[in-house]
Amino acid sequence: MISSVLVANAEYQAWLKQIKQRIHSVRMKVALAANSELITLYYEFGAQIVWSVRRRRCGGRIFLMPLVTT
């Protein structure tokens, strides 16, 4: 009886460890995907700002115009 409880406990522990590993793996994938999207977004914002600054240069001055109007 005790040995069956220990086997069941060992099986449960192994199953629980596998579940925890899968959760960790999926969380890492989600974090990497989110970071990748944020980097892309920030790059696009930076490119828009550079384009806007270059377009608005006039007589050595730089006129910064808001990119978003409300």
C-alpha atoms as a PDB file:
ATOM      1  CA  MET A   1       0.000   0.000   0.000  1.00  0.00           C
ATOM      2  CA  ILE A   2       2.757   2.439   0.873  1.00  0.00           C
ATOM      3  CA  SER A   3       4.661   1.588  -2.305  1.00  0.00           C
ATOM      4  CA  SER A   4       1.579   2.311  -4.467  1.00  0.00           C
ATOM      5  CA  VAL A   5       1.197   5.701  -2.784  1.00  0.00           C
ATOM      6  CA  LEU A   6       4.869   6.468  -3.417  1.00  0.00           C
ATOM      7  CA  VAL A   7       4.577   5.431  -7.079  1.00  0.00           C
ATOM      8  CA  ALA A   8       1.439   7.512  -7.481  1.00  0.00           C
ATOM      9  CA  ASN A   9       3.176  10.415  -5.781  1.00  0.00           C
ATOM     10  CA  ALA A  10       6.235  10.040  -8.037  1.00  0.00           C
ATOM     11  CA  GLU A  11       4.011   9.917 -11.137  1.00  0.00           C
ATOM     12  CA  TYR A  12       2.141  12.982  -9.939  1.00  0.00           C
ATOM     13  CA  GLN A  13       5.378  14.829  -9.245  1.00  0.00           C
ATOM     14  CA  ALA A  14       6.683  13.974 -12.722  1.00  0.00           C
ATOM     15  CA  TRP A  15       3.417  15.108 -14.310  1.00  0.00           C
ATOM     16  CA  LEU A  16       3.430  18.329 -12.305  1.00  0.00           C
ATOM     17  CA  LYS A  17       7.043  19.023 -13.303  1.00  0.00           C
ATOM     18  CA  GLN A  18       6.145  18.519 -16.978  1.00  0.00           C
ATOM     19  CA  ILE A  19       3.202  20.920 -16.701  1.00  0.00           C
ATOM     20  CA  LYS A  20       5.395  23.555 -15.044  1.00  0.00           C
ATOM     21  CA  GLN A  21       8.015  23.194 -17.787  1.00  0.00           C
ATOM     22  CA  ARG A  22       5.389  23.623 -20.503  1.00  0.00           C
ATOM     23  CA  ILE A  23       3.969  26.720 -18.803  1.00  0.00           C
ATOM     24  CA  HIS A  24       7.456  28.217 -18.506  1.00  0.00           C
ATOM     25  CA  SER A  25       8.213  27.450 -22.146  1.00  0.00           C
ATOM     26  CA  VAL A  26       5.011  29.067 -23.388  1.00  0.00           C
ATOM     27  CA  ARG A  27       5.553  32.121 -21.194  1.00  0.00           C
ATOM     28  CA  MET A  28       9.024  32.576 -22.665  1.00  0.00           C
ATOM     29  CA  LYS A  29       7.676  32.311 -26.217  1.00  0.00           C
ATOM     30  CA  VAL A  30       5.013  34.918 -25.459  1.00  0.00           C
ATOM     31  CA  ALA A  31       7.551  37.274 -23.893  1.00  0.00           C
ATOM     32  CA  LEU A  32       9.895  36.965 -26.863  1.00  0.00           C
ATOM     33  CA  ALA A  33       7.073  37.587 -29.336  1.00  0.00           C
ATOM     34  CA  ALA A  34       5.893  40.640 -27.393  1.00  0.00           C
ATOM     35  CA  ASN A  35       9.433  42.045 -27.193  1.00  0.00           C
ATOM     36  CA  SER A  36       9.906  41.518 -30.909  1.00  0.00           C
ATOM     37  CA  GLU A  37       6.700  43.413 -31.688  1.00  0.00           C
ATOM     38  CA  LEU A  38       7.688  46.273 -29.374  1.00  0.00           C
ATOM     39  CA  ILE A  39      11.118  46.558 -30.989  1.00  0.00           C
ATOM     40  CA  THR A  40       9.467  46.717 -34.410  1.00  0.00           C
ATOM     41  CA  LEU A  41       7.021  49.357 -33.184  1.00  0.00           C
ATOM     42  CA  TYR A  42       9.787  51.524 -31.662  1.00  0.00           C
ATOM     43  CA  TYR A  43      11.888  51.189 -34.816  1.00  0.00           C
ATOM     44  CA  GLU A  44       8.955  52.372 -36.921  1.00  0.00           C
ATOM     45  CA  PHE A  45       8.370  55.325 -34.582  1.00  0.00           C
ATOM     46  CA  GLY A  46      12.038  56.256 -34.813  1.00  0.00           C
ATOM     47  CA  ALA A  47      11.995  56.018 -38.604  1.00  0.00           C
ATOM     48  CA  GLN A  48       8.926  58.247 -38.743  1.00  0.00           C
ATOM     49  CA  ILE A  49      10.563  60.812 -36.488  1.00  0.00           C
ATOM     50  CA  VAL A  50      13.754  60.859 -38.589  1.00  0.00           C
ATOM     51  CA  TRP A  51      11.712  61.182 -41.778  1.00  0.00           C
ATOM     52  CA  SER A  52       9.645  63.981 -40.251  1.00  0.00           C
ATOM     53  CA  VAL A  53      12.729  65.897 -39.078  1.00  0.00           C
ATOM     54  CA  ARG A  54      14.482  65.585 -42.437  1.00  0.00           C
ATOM     55  CA  ARG A  55      11.380  66.692 -44.287  1.00  0.00           C
ATOM     56  CA  ARG A  56      10.874  69.792 -42.160  1.00  0.00           C
ATOM     57  CA  ARG A  57      14.411  71.206 -42.261  1.00  0.00           C
ATOM     58  CA  CYS A  58      14.399  74.743 -43.486  1.00  0.00           C
ATOM     59  CA  GLY A  59      17.353  77.155 -43.578  1.00  0.00           C
ATOM     60  CA  GLY A  60      19.394  75.161 -41.096  1.00  0.00           C
ATOM     61  CA  ARG A  61      16.497  75.038 -38.676  1.00  0.00           C
ATOM     62  CA  ILE A  62      14.545  71.983 -37.767  1.00  0.00           C
ATOM     63  CA  PHE A  63      10.827  72.301 -37.307  1.00  0.00           C
ATOM     64  CA  LEU A  64       9.425  69.438 -35.270  1.00  0.00           C
ATOM     65  CA  MET A  65       5.810  68.817 -36.024  1.00  0.00           C
ATOM     66  CA  PRO A  66       3.675  66.447 -34.023  1.00  0.00           C
ATOM     67  CA  LEU A  67       3.247  63.103 -35.729  1.00  0.00           C
ATOM     68  CA  VAL A  68      -0.129  62.542 -34.167  1.00  0.00           C
ATOM     69  CA  THR A  69      -2.818  65.183 -34.089  1.00  0.00           C
ATOM     70  CA  THR A  70      -5.847  65.112 -31.875  1.00  0.00           C
END
